Amino acid sequence: MFTKFYRVDNSDMRKIGGTGLGLSIVKEIVKSHQGEIKVNSEWKKGSAFTVSLPLMPTHSVEQIEQEKEDGKRSIIIIEDDKSLASLLQVELKESGFYVRHFDRGEAAIEAIQANPPEAIVLDIMLHEHEMNGWDILKTLKDDPNTEHIPIFISSALDEKNKGMEFGAYAYLVKPYQTSKLTNTILQMIVEKMKGTGKF
């Protein structure tokens, strides 16, 4: 029940609606907070989902704002699924990154051009009738000021070849362990540092 749901024909998921990732994403969010999720179903009556989470220390506004001044490597997430975006933010922040999140392409591009991040995590299927991930990727790669920024595609669509042809640094198919994204970004940073001789 908590595994990814696949369709035989994924050519136009927007017409069908949904990505089949809901419960698998919920499970990853709960696991990342050291919690557990259970389901109890009764025939013809319905299902009850129970989520248990441990108490966690909260961060003050001052601590959050201080991140901006600590010289942390900046990551921008472009993702319209708020739950998944929150999960990725927590993972990346715990790994020492300063993370900004956008759910619309236009606002993200404006922020990237004004203050280029170390890397970008990009979803392909964003708000309908607006810029999708392919549009954003092409816009950034066509701009000399942003073409060098590594872009990590995070999508339910398994179109790795297309992503790499468009200039993506890496392509991750949802759902995946959030640690996989972090490790891929850290590996990229290490490779860049080796290239410049700076450690």
Protein backbone atom coordinates (compact mmCIF):
# COMPACT_ATOMS: atom_id res chain seq x y z
CA MET A 1 0.00 0.00 0.00
CA PHE A 2 2.88 2.38 0.74
CA THR A 3 4.83 1.60 -2.42
CA LYS A 4 4.79 3.66 -5.62
CA PHE A 5 1.78 3.09 -7.87
CA TYR A 6 2.63 2.60 -11.55
CA ARG A 7 0.46 3.10 -14.61
CA VAL A 8 1.00 1.19 -17.84
CA ASP A 9 0.70 4.46 -19.80
CA ASN A 10 2.39 7.47 -18.18
CA SER A 11 2.38 9.60 -21.32
CA ASP A 12 -0.02 12.24 -19.97
CA MET A 13 -0.50 11.97 -16.23
CA ARG A 14 -2.23 15.35 -16.01
CA LYS A 15 -5.27 14.08 -17.90
CA ILE A 16 -5.62 11.12 -15.54
CA GLY A 17 -4.77 13.03 -12.37
CA GLY A 18 -2.39 12.13 -9.56
CA THR A 19 1.05 10.57 -9.59
CA GLY A 20 0.52 7.53 -7.38
CA LEU A 21 3.07 8.81 -4.87
CA GLY A 22 0.87 10.04 -2.01
CA LEU A 23 1.24 7.24 0.53
CA SER A 24 4.88 6.52 -0.34
CA ILE A 25 5.76 10.19 0.27
CA VAL A 26 3.80 10.18 3.55
CA LYS A 27 5.76 7.13 4.68
CA GLU A 28 9.10 8.80 3.85
CA ILE A 29 8.10 11.96 5.73
CA VAL A 30 7.11 9.95 8.80
CA LYS A 31 10.31 7.86 8.65
CA SER A 32 12.48 10.97 8.35
CA HIS A 33 10.98 12.19 11.64
CA GLN A 34 11.68 8.84 13.36
CA GLY A 35 7.97 8.04 13.44
CA GLU A 36 5.74 5.26 12.18
CA ILE A 37 2.51 4.98 10.22
CA LYS A 38 -0.10 2.25 10.53
CA VAL A 39 -3.32 1.48 8.70
CA ASN A 40 -6.38 -0.38 9.92
CA SER A 41 -9.05 -1.26 7.34
CA GLU A 42 -12.50 -2.71 7.77
CA TRP A 43 -14.41 -4.09 4.81
CA LYS A 44 -17.10 -1.71 3.53
CA LYS A 45 -16.46 0.73 6.40
CA GLY A 46 -13.19 2.40 5.48
CA SER A 47 -9.59 2.77 6.58
CA ALA A 48 -7.94 4.61 9.45
CA PHE A 49 -4.34 5.79 9.19
CA THR A 50 -2.42 6.46 12.39
CA VAL A 51 0.82 8.47 12.45
CA SER A 52 3.02 8.47 15.57
CA LEU A 53 5.85 11.01 15.90
CA PRO A 54 8.36 11.59 18.74
CA LEU A 55 8.61 14.99 20.34
CA MET A 56 11.27 17.08 18.63
CA PRO A 57 13.01 20.27 19.79
CA THR A 58 11.82 23.40 17.98
CA HIS A 59 14.03 26.02 16.36
CA SER A 60 13.59 29.65 17.21
CA VAL A 61 13.05 32.33 14.58
CA GLU A 62 16.51 33.69 15.47
CA GLN A 63 18.12 30.32 14.76
CA ILE A 64 16.37 30.02 11.39
CA GLU A 65 17.31 33.56 10.36
CA GLN A 66 20.90 32.97 11.47
CA GLU A 67 21.26 30.34 8.74
CA LYS A 68 21.29 33.14 6.18
CA GLU A 69 24.38 34.64 7.79
CA ASP A 70 26.40 31.49 8.41
CA GLY A 71 27.76 31.14 4.87
CA LYS A 72 26.02 27.82 4.26
CA ARG A 73 25.82 26.43 0.75
CA SER A 74 22.51 27.46 -0.79
CA ILE A 75 20.06 25.04 -2.40
CA ILE A 76 16.82 26.00 -4.16
CA ILE A 77 13.97 23.49 -4.36
CA ILE A 78 11.34 23.98 -7.07
CA GLU A 79 8.48 21.65 -6.13
CA ASP A 80 4.70 22.16 -5.95
CA ASP A 81 4.10 19.23 -3.58
CA LYS A 82 4.39 20.97 -0.21
CA SER A 83 4.75 17.73 1.75
CA LEU A 84 7.63 16.47 -0.35
CA ALA A 85 9.25 19.91 -0.42
CA SER A 86 9.12 20.01 3.38
CA LEU A 87 10.69 16.57 3.59
CA LEU A 88 13.53 17.56 1.27
CA GLN A 89 14.07 20.83 3.14
CA VAL A 90 14.45 19.05 6.47
CA GLU A 91 16.91 16.55 5.01
CA LEU A 92 19.06 19.18 3.30
CA LYS A 93 19.02 21.56 6.28
CA GLU A 94 20.15 18.75 8.58
CA SER A 95 23.05 18.20 6.16
CA GLY A 96 24.16 21.81 6.57
CA PHE A 97 22.55 23.56 3.60
CA TYR A 98 20.60 26.81 3.51
CA VAL A 99 17.41 25.92 1.62
CA ARG A 100 14.87 28.06 -0.20
CA HIS A 101 11.66 26.62 -1.64
CA PHE A 102 9.52 27.80 -4.56
CA ASP A 103 6.43 26.18 -6.05
CA ARG A 104 6.25 28.32 -9.20
CA GLY A 105 8.81 28.61 -11.96
CA GLU A 106 8.71 32.36 -12.55
CA ALA A 107 9.43 33.23 -8.91
CA ALA A 108 12.17 30.60 -8.71
CA ILE A 109 13.96 31.86 -11.82
CA GLU A 110 13.85 35.42 -10.51
CA ALA A 111 15.41 34.33 -7.19
CA ILE A 112 18.04 32.20 -8.94
CA GLN A 113 19.10 35.05 -11.19
CA ALA A 114 19.29 37.47 -8.26
CA ASN A 115 21.20 35.13 -5.94
CA PRO A 116 22.50 31.95 -7.68
CA PRO A 117 22.46 28.85 -5.43
CA GLU A 118 24.99 26.05 -5.22
CA ALA A 119 22.45 23.66 -6.75
CA ILE A 120 18.80 23.38 -7.79
CA VAL A 121 16.36 20.54 -7.09
CA LEU A 122 13.71 20.65 -9.81
CA ASP A 123 10.37 18.91 -10.19
CA ILE A 124 9.08 18.46 -13.75
CA MET A 125 5.30 18.48 -13.20
CA LEU A 126 4.48 21.81 -11.61
CA HIS A 127 1.29 23.88 -11.60
CA GLU A 128 -0.76 23.24 -14.72
CA HIS A 129 -0.89 26.01 -17.35
CA GLU A 130 2.35 27.53 -16.00
CA MET A 131 6.07 26.85 -16.50
CA ASN A 132 6.90 23.19 -16.03
CA GLY A 133 10.28 21.76 -15.13
CA TRP A 134 11.42 21.43 -18.73
CA ASP A 135 10.66 25.13 -19.33
CA ILE A 136 12.65 26.12 -16.24
CA LEU A 137 15.57 23.87 -17.13
CA LYS A 138 15.77 25.28 -20.65
CA THR A 139 15.52 28.89 -19.40
CA LEU A 140 18.33 28.40 -16.89
CA LYS A 141 20.61 26.55 -19.31
CA ASP A 142 20.10 29.20 -22.01
CA ASP A 143 21.19 31.97 -19.63
CA PRO A 144 25.01 32.42 -19.39
CA ASN A 145 24.60 33.60 -15.79
CA THR A 146 22.84 30.42 -14.63
CA GLU A 147 23.89 27.71 -17.10
CA HIS A 148 26.68 26.53 -14.77
CA ILE A 149 24.36 25.74 -11.82
CA PRO A 150 23.94 21.96 -11.31
CA ILE A 151 20.28 20.93 -11.59
CA PHE A 152 19.01 17.78 -9.91
CA ILE A 153 15.70 16.66 -11.38
CA SER A 154 13.30 15.10 -8.88
CA SER A 155 10.30 13.71 -10.74
CA ALA A 156 7.70 10.96 -10.87
CA LEU A 157 8.28 10.84 -14.63
CA ASP A 158 11.01 8.39 -15.60
CA GLU A 159 12.58 10.44 -18.39
CA LYS A 160 16.24 10.37 -17.39
CA ASN A 161 17.60 10.46 -20.94
CA LYS A 162 15.62 13.59 -21.76
CA GLY A 163 16.71 15.23 -18.52
CA MET A 164 20.38 14.57 -19.15
CA GLU A 165 20.08 15.78 -22.75
CA PHE A 166 18.57 19.02 -21.45
CA GLY A 167 21.60 19.53 -19.20
CA ALA A 168 20.54 18.14 -15.81
CA TYR A 169 23.36 17.04 -13.50
CA ALA A 170 21.39 14.09 -12.11
CA TYR A 171 17.89 12.59 -12.38
CA LEU A 172 16.07 11.02 -9.43
CA VAL A 173 12.77 9.20 -9.91
CA LYS A 174 10.26 9.57 -7.08
CA PRO A 175 9.91 8.13 -4.57
CA TYR A 176 13.47 7.85 -3.30
CA GLN A 177 15.23 8.10 0.04
CA THR A 178 15.88 11.77 0.78
CA SER A 179 19.40 10.82 1.81
CA LYS A 180 20.02 9.80 -1.81
CA LEU A 181 19.44 13.38 -2.95
CA THR A 182 21.72 14.76 -0.24
CA ASN A 183 24.48 12.29 -1.04
CA THR A 184 24.25 13.07 -4.76
CA ILE A 185 24.54 16.81 -4.10
CA LEU A 186 27.45 16.31 -1.68
CA GLN A 187 29.22 14.12 -4.24
CA MET A 188 28.83 16.89 -6.82
CA ILE A 189 30.32 19.44 -4.41
CA VAL A 190 33.30 17.19 -3.66
CA GLU A 191 33.93 16.69 -7.38
CA LYS A 192 33.82 20.44 -7.96
CA MET A 193 36.25 21.03 -5.10
CA LYS A 194 38.63 18.42 -6.50
CA GLY A 195 38.51 20.22 -9.83
CA THR A 196 39.48 23.54 -8.25
CA GLY A 197 41.89 22.07 -5.71
CA LYS A 198 39.95 23.64 -2.82
CA PHE A 199 38.97 21.53 0.21
